[in-house]
Amino acid sequence: MPIVSANLPQVLVFAASDPTGGAGIQADLLTLASLGCHPLSALTALTVQDTSGVVAMQPVAAELLEQQARTVLEDMPVAAFKIGLIGSVENVLAIAEIVGDYPEIPLVFDPVLASGRGDALSGEEIIAAMREMLLPQTTIITPNAPEARRLAESDEDENEPALDVCAARLIEMGAQYVLITGTHESTPEVINTLYGPDGVIRHDRWERLPGSYHGSGCTLASAIAGCLAGGASVEEAVRDAQDYTWQALRHGFRGGMGQFIPDRLFWAREDDEAKEAGDGAS
């Protein structure tokens, strides 16, 4: 008879499929499994894409999305939710209703608004629904700087709002914590900033690696969800997830002709290399 292990937290991911395995639900599953979690999934959309960009996207019907999630939730205990690309307003509403039934479960929201090369993936109606329906239920949202500005923009803005202002607005909309990543900013280092209700909690600076990466945001958000599921605090989860993500990027590989793909199982290959070196020395 199978043994139910309390040491294997289960995380339910709402995200789209990426055939390359670089981003989307495939990236989430790899990341969570690498961090010792059992990933569960509710598919939000099918995409046609390669490592350069998205060619087409077909959202899953909201009814089917809801059936996927509720069937799993009725059977399996979940320690965290992670939301990625949603695909339609109807799916935003369906997810909001589902997670609303589990307010005690931490929710990590990665608001995927565009692909790595800039293909639009979420229109204004979807963004408005995210603000109204999902942000009030979000434990931590993980936008990059352009996403933070777009989510927090106001008709009253004459100029582009500062990131501190964006974070404050997202918290006013209901998010408990905001982690704004600096991968898209023109700074020598990547600076990620975690905000809470009282302002900045921590700044983390990371060496800016050469090239661009497919699925770095998915990896970071899923890693945070995995750490939260394992019992870490938000600040601990953000710290450890950044370290994991940077290492995955540093060990990234070029699977196609476009962006690099993070190696979410880098630690396993490092262990193999260390073992081979030890065997060779004996």
C-alpha atoms as a PDB file:
ATOM      1  CA  MET A   1       0.000   0.000   0.000  1.00  0.00           C
ATOM      2  CA  PRO A   2       1.417   3.449  -0.908  1.00  0.00           C
ATOM      3  CA  ILE A   3       2.708   5.546   1.975  1.00  0.00           C
ATOM      4  CA  VAL A   4       1.441   9.130   2.209  1.00  0.00           C
ATOM      5  CA  SER A   5       4.500  11.283   2.924  1.00  0.00           C
ATOM      6  CA  ALA A   6       4.108  14.503   4.888  1.00  0.00           C
ATOM      7  CA  ASN A   7       7.524  15.511   3.552  1.00  0.00           C
ATOM      8  CA  LEU A   8       6.375  15.802  -0.061  1.00  0.00           C
ATOM      9  CA  PRO A   9       4.300  19.000  -0.273  1.00  0.00           C
ATOM     10  CA  GLN A  10       1.955  19.256  -3.225  1.00  0.00           C
ATOM     11  CA  VAL A  11       1.641  22.458  -5.268  1.00  0.00           C
ATOM     12  CA  LEU A  12      -1.167  23.137  -7.745  1.00  0.00           C
ATOM     13  CA  VAL A  13      -0.105  25.151 -10.783  1.00  0.00           C
ATOM     14  CA  PHE A  14      -2.442  27.050 -13.117  1.00  0.00           C
ATOM     15  CA  ALA A  15      -0.463  27.729 -16.297  1.00  0.00           C
ATOM     16  CA  ALA A  16      -0.221  27.242 -20.053  1.00  0.00           C
ATOM     17  CA  SER A  17       1.672  24.513 -21.863  1.00  0.00           C
ATOM     18  CA  ASP A  18       4.965  25.371 -23.570  1.00  0.00           C
ATOM     19  CA  PRO A  19       6.089  22.699 -26.061  1.00  0.00           C
ATOM     20  CA  THR A  20       9.760  23.679 -25.612  1.00  0.00           C
ATOM     21  CA  GLY A  21       9.724  22.899 -21.897  1.00  0.00           C
ATOM     22  CA  GLY A  22      11.480  26.211 -21.303  1.00  0.00           C
ATOM     23  CA  ALA A  23       8.569  28.097 -19.771  1.00  0.00           C
ATOM     24  CA  GLY A  24       4.955  27.523 -18.816  1.00  0.00           C
ATOM     25  CA  ILE A  25       3.641  24.544 -16.975  1.00  0.00           C
ATOM     26  CA  GLN A  26       6.565  22.361 -17.998  1.00  0.00           C
ATOM     27  CA  ALA A  27       8.989  24.781 -16.345  1.00  0.00           C
ATOM     28  CA  ASP A  28       6.798  24.866 -13.235  1.00  0.00           C
ATOM     29  CA  LEU A  29       6.694  21.078 -12.947  1.00  0.00           C
ATOM     30  CA  LEU A  30      10.445  20.720 -13.398  1.00  0.00           C
ATOM     31  CA  THR A  31      11.161  23.414 -10.825  1.00  0.00           C
ATOM     32  CA  LEU A  32       8.794  22.053  -8.199  1.00  0.00           C
ATOM     33  CA  ALA A  33      10.012  18.498  -8.634  1.00  0.00           C
ATOM     34  CA  SER A  34      13.614  19.694  -8.381  1.00  0.00           C
ATOM     35  CA  LEU A  35      12.788  21.373  -5.054  1.00  0.00           C
ATOM     36  CA  GLY A  36      11.240  18.240  -3.574  1.00  0.00           C
ATOM     37  CA  CYS A  37       7.566  19.014  -4.184  1.00  0.00           C
ATOM     38  CA  HIS A  38       4.942  16.988  -6.018  1.00  0.00           C
ATOM     39  CA  PRO A  39       3.495  19.265  -8.729  1.00  0.00           C
ATOM     40  CA  LEU A  40      -0.181  19.190  -9.684  1.00  0.00           C
ATOM     41  CA  SER A  41      -1.467  21.014 -12.745  1.00  0.00           C
ATOM     42  CA  ALA A  42      -4.523  22.701 -14.214  1.00  0.00           C
ATOM     43  CA  LEU A  43      -3.851  23.691 -17.818  1.00  0.00           C
ATOM     44  CA  THR A  44      -5.052  27.174 -18.788  1.00  0.00           C
ATOM     45  CA  ALA A  45      -4.022  27.320 -22.448  1.00  0.00           C
ATOM     46  CA  LEU A  46      -2.172  25.585 -25.265  1.00  0.00           C
ATOM     47  CA  THR A  47       0.564  27.536 -27.007  1.00  0.00           C
ATOM     48  CA  VAL A  48       2.500  27.157 -30.228  1.00  0.00           C
ATOM     49  CA  GLN A  49       5.976  28.505 -29.560  1.00  0.00           C
ATOM     50  CA  ASP A  50       9.690  27.908 -29.833  1.00  0.00           C
ATOM     51  CA  THR A  51      12.612  29.313 -27.870  1.00  0.00           C
ATOM     52  CA  SER A  52      12.296  32.616 -29.763  1.00  0.00           C
ATOM     53  CA  GLY A  53       8.658  33.473 -29.165  1.00  0.00           C
ATOM     54  CA  VAL A  54       4.967  32.580 -29.202  1.00  0.00           C
ATOM     55  CA  VAL A  55       3.247  31.869 -32.526  1.00  0.00           C
ATOM     56  CA  ALA A  56      -0.281  31.129 -31.296  1.00  0.00           C
ATOM     57  CA  MET A  57      -2.270  30.564 -28.090  1.00  0.00           C
ATOM     58  CA  GLN A  58      -5.577  28.789 -27.481  1.00  0.00           C
ATOM     59  CA  PRO A  59      -7.127  29.217 -24.022  1.00  0.00           C
ATOM     60  CA  VAL A  60      -8.720  26.181 -22.395  1.00  0.00           C
ATOM     61  CA  ALA A  61     -12.450  26.519 -21.774  1.00  0.00           C
ATOM     62  CA  ALA A  62     -13.088  27.864 -18.271  1.00  0.00           C
ATOM     63  CA  GLU A  63     -15.368  24.920 -17.450  1.00  0.00           C
ATOM     64  CA  LEU A  64     -12.628  22.440 -18.303  1.00  0.00           C
ATOM     65  CA  LEU A  65     -10.059  24.430 -16.332  1.00  0.00           C
ATOM     66  CA  GLU A  66     -12.337  24.398 -13.293  1.00  0.00           C
ATOM     67  CA  GLN A  67     -12.954  20.657 -13.613  1.00  0.00           C
ATOM     68  CA  GLN A  68      -9.221  19.965 -13.724  1.00  0.00           C
ATOM     69  CA  ALA A  69      -8.533  21.942 -10.567  1.00  0.00           C
ATOM     70  CA  ARG A  70     -11.527  20.939  -8.486  1.00  0.00           C
ATOM     71  CA  THR A  71     -11.129  17.242  -9.264  1.00  0.00           C
ATOM     72  CA  VAL A  72      -7.545  17.347  -8.027  1.00  0.00           C
ATOM     73  CA  LEU A  73      -8.378  19.505  -4.993  1.00  0.00           C
ATOM     74  CA  GLU A  74     -11.123  17.133  -3.873  1.00  0.00           C
ATOM     75  CA  ASP A  75      -8.608  14.276  -3.894  1.00  0.00           C
ATOM     76  CA  MET A  76      -5.223  15.689  -2.935  1.00  0.00           C
ATOM     77  CA  PRO A  77      -4.090  18.149  -0.213  1.00  0.00           C
ATOM     78  CA  VAL A  78      -2.369  21.243  -1.623  1.00  0.00           C
ATOM     79  CA  ALA A  79       0.244  23.315   0.232  1.00  0.00           C
ATOM     80  CA  ALA A  80       0.520  26.212  -2.263  1.00  0.00           C
ATOM     81  CA  PHE A  81      -0.959  27.596  -5.476  1.00  0.00           C
ATOM     82  CA  LYS A  82       1.042  29.061  -8.342  1.00  0.00           C
ATOM     83  CA  ILE A  83      -0.557  30.998 -11.205  1.00  0.00           C
ATOM     84  CA  GLY A  84       1.159  31.745 -14.509  1.00  0.00           C
ATOM     85  CA  LEU A  85      -0.280  32.542 -17.948  1.00  0.00           C
ATOM     86  CA  ILE A  86      -4.089  32.507 -17.718  1.00  0.00           C
ATOM     87  CA  GLY A  87      -5.233  33.070 -21.296  1.00  0.00           C
ATOM     88  CA  SER A  88      -8.723  34.567 -20.941  1.00  0.00           C
ATOM     89  CA  VAL A  89     -10.940  36.680 -18.702  1.00  0.00           C
ATOM     90  CA  GLU A  90     -13.154  33.644 -18.138  1.00  0.00           C
ATOM     91  CA  ASN A  91     -10.167  31.706 -16.836  1.00  0.00           C
ATOM     92  CA  VAL A  92      -9.216  34.546 -14.496  1.00  0.00           C
ATOM     93  CA  LEU A  93     -12.707  34.401 -13.010  1.00  0.00           C
ATOM     94  CA  ALA A  94     -12.642  30.602 -12.733  1.00  0.00           C
ATOM     95  CA  ILE A  95      -9.269  30.579 -10.970  1.00  0.00           C
ATOM     96  CA  ALA A  96     -10.325  33.385  -8.625  1.00  0.00           C
ATOM     97  CA  GLU A  97     -13.394  31.419  -7.596  1.00  0.00           C
ATOM     98  CA  ILE A  98     -11.392  28.228  -7.045  1.00  0.00           C
ATOM     99  CA  VAL A  99      -8.602  29.734  -4.934  1.00  0.00           C
ATOM    100  CA  GLY A 100     -11.194  31.767  -3.045  1.00  0.00           C
ATOM    101  CA  ASP A 101     -12.415  28.517  -1.546  1.00  0.00           C
ATOM    102  CA  TYR A 102      -8.954  27.904  -0.043  1.00  0.00           C
ATOM    103  CA  PRO A 103      -7.951  31.229   1.561  1.00  0.00           C
ATOM    104  CA  GLU A 104      -5.487  29.536   3.931  1.00  0.00           C
ATOM    105  CA  ILE A 105      -3.308  28.238   1.066  1.00  0.00           C
ATOM    106  CA  PRO A 106      -0.527  30.655  -0.048  1.00  0.00           C
ATOM    107  CA  LEU A 107      -0.846  31.871  -3.629  1.00  0.00           C
ATOM    108  CA  VAL A 108       2.091  32.907  -5.820  1.00  0.00           C
ATOM    109  CA  PHE A 109       1.057  34.912  -8.882  1.00  0.00           C
ATOM    110  CA  ASP A 110       3.399  35.360 -11.849  1.00  0.00           C
ATOM    111  CA  PRO A 111       1.469  37.772 -14.114  1.00  0.00           C
ATOM    112  CA  VAL A 112       2.592  36.687 -17.579  1.00  0.00           C
ATOM    113  CA  LEU A 113       1.667  39.586 -19.858  1.00  0.00           C
ATOM    114  CA  ALA A 114       4.070  39.006 -22.757  1.00  0.00           C
ATOM    115  CA  SER A 115       6.578  36.476 -24.069  1.00  0.00           C
ATOM    116  CA  GLY A 116      10.321  36.977 -23.803  1.00  0.00           C
ATOM    117  CA  ARG A 117      10.467  38.710 -27.183  1.00  0.00           C
ATOM    118  CA  GLY A 118       7.398  40.840 -26.440  1.00  0.00           C
ATOM    119  CA  ASP A 119       4.463  38.870 -27.906  1.00  0.00           C
ATOM    120  CA  ALA A 120       1.319  40.119 -26.124  1.00  0.00           C
ATOM    121  CA  LEU A 121      -0.312  37.348 -24.075  1.00  0.00           C
ATOM    122  CA  SER A 122      -2.712  39.280 -21.808  1.00  0.00           C
ATOM    123  CA  GLY A 123      -4.947  42.130 -22.984  1.00  0.00           C
ATOM    124  CA  GLU A 124      -6.428  44.969 -20.987  1.00  0.00           C
ATOM    125  CA  GLU A 125      -9.593  43.049 -20.059  1.00  0.00           C
ATOM    126  CA  ILE A 126      -7.529  40.212 -18.604  1.00  0.00           C
ATOM    127  CA  ILE A 127      -5.315  42.668 -16.716  1.00  0.00           C
ATOM    128  CA  ALA A 128      -8.360  44.443 -15.276  1.00  0.00           C
ATOM    129  CA  ALA A 129      -9.764  41.084 -14.125  1.00  0.00           C
ATOM    130  CA  MET A 130      -6.417  40.177 -12.555  1.00  0.00           C
ATOM    131  CA  ARG A 131      -6.413  43.431 -10.569  1.00  0.00           C
ATOM    132  CA  GLU A 132      -9.962  42.997  -9.331  1.00  0.00           C
ATOM    133  CA  MET A 133     -10.242  39.231  -8.808  1.00  0.00           C
ATOM    134  CA  LEU A 134      -6.772  37.803  -8.180  1.00  0.00           C
ATOM    135  CA  LEU A 135      -4.654  40.473  -6.508  1.00  0.00           C
ATOM    136  CA  PRO A 136      -6.847  40.545  -3.375  1.00  0.00           C
ATOM    137  CA  GLN A 137      -6.161  36.815  -2.948  1.00  0.00           C
ATOM    138  CA  THR A 138      -2.433  36.901  -3.739  1.00  0.00           C
ATOM    139  CA  THR A 139       0.197  36.150  -1.120  1.00  0.00           C
ATOM    140  CA  ILE A 140       3.039  37.325  -3.370  1.00  0.00           C
ATOM    141  CA  ILE A 141       3.050  38.617  -6.945  1.00  0.00           C
ATOM    142  CA  THR A 142       6.295  38.407  -8.965  1.00  0.00           C
ATOM    143  CA  PRO A 143       6.185  40.820 -11.928  1.00  0.00           C
ATOM    144  CA  ASN A 144       9.214  42.014 -13.834  1.00  0.00           C
ATOM    145  CA  ALA A 145       9.514  45.797 -14.062  1.00  0.00           C
ATOM    146  CA  PRO A 146       7.464  46.247 -17.289  1.00  0.00           C
ATOM    147  CA  GLU A 147       4.718  43.987 -15.901  1.00  0.00           C
ATOM    148  CA  ALA A 148       4.662  45.896 -12.612  1.00  0.00           C
ATOM    149  CA  ARG A 149       4.314  49.209 -14.440  1.00  0.00           C
ATOM    150  CA  ARG A 150       1.540  47.895 -16.667  1.00  0.00           C
ATOM    151  CA  LEU A 151      -0.405  46.339 -13.802  1.00  0.00           C
ATOM    152  CA  ALA A 152      -0.103  49.449 -11.660  1.00  0.00           C
ATOM    153  CA  GLU A 153      -0.528  52.145 -14.311  1.00  0.00           C
ATOM    154  CA  SER A 154      -3.124  54.829 -13.705  1.00  0.00           C
ATOM    155  CA  ASP A 155      -4.928  57.223 -16.027  1.00  0.00           C
ATOM    156  CA  GLU A 156      -3.559  60.008 -13.841  1.00  0.00           C
ATOM    157  CA  ASP A 157       0.083  59.130 -14.589  1.00  0.00           C
ATOM    158  CA  GLU A 158       1.802  61.709 -16.754  1.00  0.00           C
ATOM    159  CA  ASN A 159       5.098  59.815 -16.643  1.00  0.00           C
ATOM    160  CA  GLU A 160       6.097  56.206 -16.103  1.00  0.00           C
ATOM    161  CA  PRO A 161       5.555  55.438 -12.396  1.00  0.00           C
ATOM    162  CA  ALA A 162       8.553  54.513 -10.238  1.00  0.00           C
ATOM    163  CA  LEU A 163       8.771  50.881  -9.199  1.00  0.00           C
ATOM    164  CA  ASP A 164       8.279  51.783  -5.525  1.00  0.00           C
ATOM    165  CA  VAL A 165       5.006  53.455  -6.514  1.00  0.00           C
ATOM    166  CA  CYS A 166       3.980  50.424  -8.582  1.00  0.00           C
ATOM    167  CA  ALA A 167       4.622  48.090  -5.652  1.00  0.00           C
ATOM    168  CA  ALA A 168       2.619  50.283  -3.291  1.00  0.00           C
ATOM    169  CA  ARG A 169      -0.307  50.334  -5.715  1.00  0.00           C
ATOM    170  CA  LEU A 170      -0.247  46.537  -6.147  1.00  0.00           C
ATOM    171  CA  ILE A 171      -0.341  46.139  -2.365  1.00  0.00           C
ATOM    172  CA  GLU A 172      -3.225  48.606  -2.195  1.00  0.00           C
ATOM    173  CA  MET A 173      -5.022  46.389  -4.738  1.00  0.00           C
ATOM    174  CA  GLY A 174      -4.708  43.476  -2.335  1.00  0.00           C
ATOM    175  CA  ALA A 175      -1.408  41.653  -2.799  1.00  0.00           C
ATOM    176  CA  GLN A 176       0.303  40.942   0.526  1.00  0.00           C
ATOM    177  CA  TYR A 177       3.828  41.066  -0.937  1.00  0.00           C
ATOM    178  CA  VAL A 178       5.329  42.210  -4.242  1.00  0.00           C
ATOM    179  CA  LEU A 179       8.636  40.983  -5.678  1.00  0.00           C
ATOM    180  CA  ILE A 180       9.661  43.139  -8.649  1.00  0.00           C
ATOM    181  CA  THR A 181      12.482  41.601 -10.673  1.00  0.00           C
ATOM    182  CA  GLY A 182      15.021  43.737 -12.481  1.00  0.00           C
ATOM    183  CA  THR A 183      15.927  41.513 -15.418  1.00  0.00           C
ATOM    184  CA  HIS A 184      14.482  44.018 -17.923  1.00  0.00           C
ATOM    185  CA  GLU A 185      16.147  47.092 -16.381  1.00  0.00           C
ATOM    186  CA  SER A 186      19.380  48.568 -17.764  1.00  0.00           C
ATOM    187  CA  THR A 187      21.441  48.082 -14.613  1.00  0.00           C
ATOM    188  CA  PRO A 188      24.866  46.399 -14.314  1.00  0.00           C
ATOM    189  CA  GLU A 189      23.399  43.883 -11.869  1.00  0.00           C
ATOM    190  CA  VAL A 190      19.918  42.406 -11.704  1.00  0.00           C
ATOM    191  CA  ILE A 191      18.232  43.991  -8.678  1.00  0.00           C
ATOM    192  CA  ASN A 192      15.165  42.252  -7.277  1.00  0.00           C
ATOM    193  CA  THR A 193      13.158  44.055  -4.607  1.00  0.00           C
ATOM    194  CA  LEU A 194      10.665  42.552  -2.177  1.00  0.00           C
ATOM    195  CA  TYR A 195       7.980  44.911  -0.849  1.00  0.00           C
ATOM    196  CA  GLY A 196       5.510  44.462   1.987  1.00  0.00           C
ATOM    197  CA  PRO A 197       2.791  46.688   3.458  1.00  0.00           C
ATOM    198  CA  ASP A 198       5.435  48.899   5.099  1.00  0.00           C
ATOM    199  CA  GLY A 199       7.642  49.264   2.025  1.00  0.00           C
ATOM    200  CA  VAL A 200      10.910  47.617   1.015  1.00  0.00           C
ATOM    201  CA  ILE A 201      11.785  44.410   2.867  1.00  0.00           C
ATOM    202  CA  ARG A 202      14.927  43.457   0.970  1.00  0.00           C
ATOM    203  CA  HIS A 203      17.000  44.241  -2.121  1.00  0.00           C
ATOM    204  CA  ASP A 204      18.900  41.365  -3.735  1.00  0.00           C
ATOM    205  CA  ARG A 205      21.611  41.939  -6.316  1.00  0.00           C
ATOM    206  CA  TRP A 206      22.637  39.248  -8.787  1.00  0.00           C
ATOM    207  CA  GLU A 207      25.297  39.069 -11.447  1.00  0.00           C
ATOM    208  CA  ARG A 208      23.692  39.825 -14.816  1.00  0.00           C
ATOM    209  CA  LEU A 209      24.320  36.758 -16.935  1.00  0.00           C
ATOM    210  CA  PRO A 210      24.921  37.087 -20.689  1.00  0.00           C
ATOM    211  CA  GLY A 211      22.124  36.234 -23.084  1.00  0.00           C
ATOM    212  CA  SER A 212      18.388  35.983 -22.484  1.00  0.00           C
ATOM    213  CA  TYR A 213      16.463  33.148 -20.875  1.00  0.00           C
ATOM    214  CA  HIS A 214      13.193  31.404 -21.652  1.00  0.00           C
ATOM    215  CA  GLY A 215      11.196  30.776 -18.492  1.00  0.00           C
ATOM    216  CA  SER A 216      13.189  32.591 -15.826  1.00  0.00           C
ATOM    217  CA  GLY A 217      10.052  34.177 -14.346  1.00  0.00           C
ATOM    218  CA  CYS A 218       8.202  30.841 -14.281  1.00  0.00           C
ATOM    219  CA  THR A 219      11.160  29.269 -12.517  1.00  0.00           C
ATOM    220  CA  LEU A 220      11.375  31.975  -9.851  1.00  0.00           C
ATOM    221  CA  ALA A 221       7.647  32.019  -9.065  1.00  0.00           C
ATOM    222  CA  SER A 222       7.422  28.226  -8.912  1.00  0.00           C
ATOM    223  CA  ALA A 223      10.489  28.069  -6.694  1.00  0.00           C
ATOM    224  CA  ILE A 224       8.860  30.549  -4.294  1.00  0.00           C
ATOM    225  CA  ALA A 225       5.702  28.418  -4.271  1.00  0.00           C
ATOM    226  CA  GLY A 226       7.760  25.313  -3.583  1.00  0.00           C
ATOM    227  CA  CYS A 227       9.583  26.970  -0.696  1.00  0.00           C
ATOM    228  CA  LEU A 228       6.322  28.255   0.801  1.00  0.00           C
ATOM    229  CA  ALA A 229       4.829  24.784   0.479  1.00  0.00           C
ATOM    230  CA  GLY A 230       7.805  23.456   2.414  1.00  0.00           C
ATOM    231  CA  GLY A 231       7.066  25.784   5.327  1.00  0.00           C
ATOM    232  CA  ALA A 232       9.340  28.765   4.609  1.00  0.00           C
ATOM    233  CA  SER A 233       8.277  32.325   5.382  1.00  0.00           C
ATOM    234  CA  VAL A 234       7.747  34.688   2.443  1.00  0.00           C
ATOM    235  CA  GLU A 235      11.131  36.360   2.967  1.00  0.00           C
ATOM    236  CA  GLU A 236      12.917  33.000   3.288  1.00  0.00           C
ATOM    237  CA  ALA A 237      11.119  31.668   0.210  1.00  0.00           C
ATOM    238  CA  VAL A 238      12.075  34.727  -1.854  1.00  0.00           C
ATOM    239  CA  ARG A 239      15.718  34.479  -0.755  1.00  0.00           C
ATOM    240  CA  ASP A 240      16.074  30.758  -1.466  1.00  0.00           C
ATOM    241  CA  ALA A 241      14.076  30.833  -4.698  1.00  0.00           C
ATOM    242  CA  GLN A 242      16.281  33.596  -6.119  1.00  0.00           C
ATOM    243  CA  ASP A 243      19.402  31.593  -5.388  1.00  0.00           C
ATOM    244  CA  TYR A 244      17.921  28.481  -7.009  1.00  0.00           C
ATOM    245  CA  THR A 245      16.784  30.440 -10.073  1.00  0.00           C
ATOM    246  CA  TRP A 246      20.131  32.184 -10.561  1.00  0.00           C
ATOM    247  CA  GLN A 247      21.923  28.833 -10.405  1.00  0.00           C
ATOM    248  CA  ALA A 248      19.460  27.370 -12.933  1.00  0.00           C
ATOM    249  CA  LEU A 249      20.140  30.303 -15.255  1.00  0.00           C
ATOM    250  CA  ARG A 250      23.903  30.079 -14.777  1.00  0.00           C
ATOM    251  CA  HIS A 251      23.738  26.434 -15.853  1.00  0.00           C
ATOM    252  CA  GLY A 252      21.320  27.217 -18.698  1.00  0.00           C
ATOM    253  CA  PHE A 253      21.669  25.601 -22.086  1.00  0.00           C
ATOM    254  CA  ARG A 254      20.750  26.469 -25.653  1.00  0.00           C
ATOM    255  CA  GLY A 255      18.158  23.874 -26.604  1.00  0.00           C
ATOM    256  CA  GLY A 256      17.153  25.668 -29.805  1.00  0.00           C
ATOM    257  CA  MET A 257      18.059  28.720 -31.850  1.00  0.00           C
ATOM    258  CA  GLY A 258      16.485  31.300 -29.521  1.00  0.00           C
ATOM    259  CA  GLN A 259      16.758  31.981 -25.812  1.00  0.00           C
ATOM    260  CA  PHE A 260      18.660  29.874 -23.313  1.00  0.00           C
ATOM    261  CA  ILE A 261      16.649  27.417 -21.188  1.00  0.00           C
ATOM    262  CA  PRO A 262      17.336  27.298 -17.423  1.00  0.00           C
ATOM    263  CA  ASP A 263      18.638  23.962 -16.177  1.00  0.00           C
ATOM    264  CA  ARG A 264      16.321  23.275 -13.258  1.00  0.00           C
ATOM    265  CA  LEU A 265      18.178  20.049 -12.434  1.00  0.00           C
ATOM    266  CA  PHE A 266      21.629  21.663 -12.355  1.00  0.00           C
ATOM    267  CA  TRP A 267      22.335  20.233  -8.893  1.00  0.00           C
ATOM    268  CA  ALA A 268      21.941  16.665 -10.111  1.00  0.00           C
ATOM    269  CA  ARG A 269      24.512  17.205 -12.852  1.00  0.00           C
ATOM    270  CA  GLU A 270      26.882  18.893 -10.404  1.00  0.00           C
ATOM    271  CA  ASP A 271      26.589  15.843  -8.144  1.00  0.00           C
ATOM    272  CA  ASP A 272      27.338  13.544 -11.090  1.00  0.00           C
ATOM    273  CA  GLU A 273      30.392  15.615 -12.052  1.00  0.00           C
ATOM    274  CA  ALA A 274      31.672  15.584  -8.462  1.00  0.00           C
ATOM    275  CA  LYS A 275      31.184  11.804  -8.278  1.00  0.00           C
ATOM    276  CA  GLU A 276      33.029  11.270 -11.568  1.00  0.00           C
ATOM    277  CA  ALA A 277      35.888  13.478 -10.356  1.00  0.00           C
ATOM    278  CA  GLY A 278      36.067  11.483  -7.117  1.00  0.00           C
ATOM    279  CA  ASP A 279      36.061   8.175  -8.964  1.00  0.00           C
ATOM    280  CA  GLY A 280      38.811   9.398 -11.251  1.00  0.00           C
ATOM    281  CA  ALA A 281      40.979  10.383  -8.300  1.00  0.00           C
ATOM    282  CA  SER A 282      40.664   7.032  -6.553  1.00  0.00           C
END
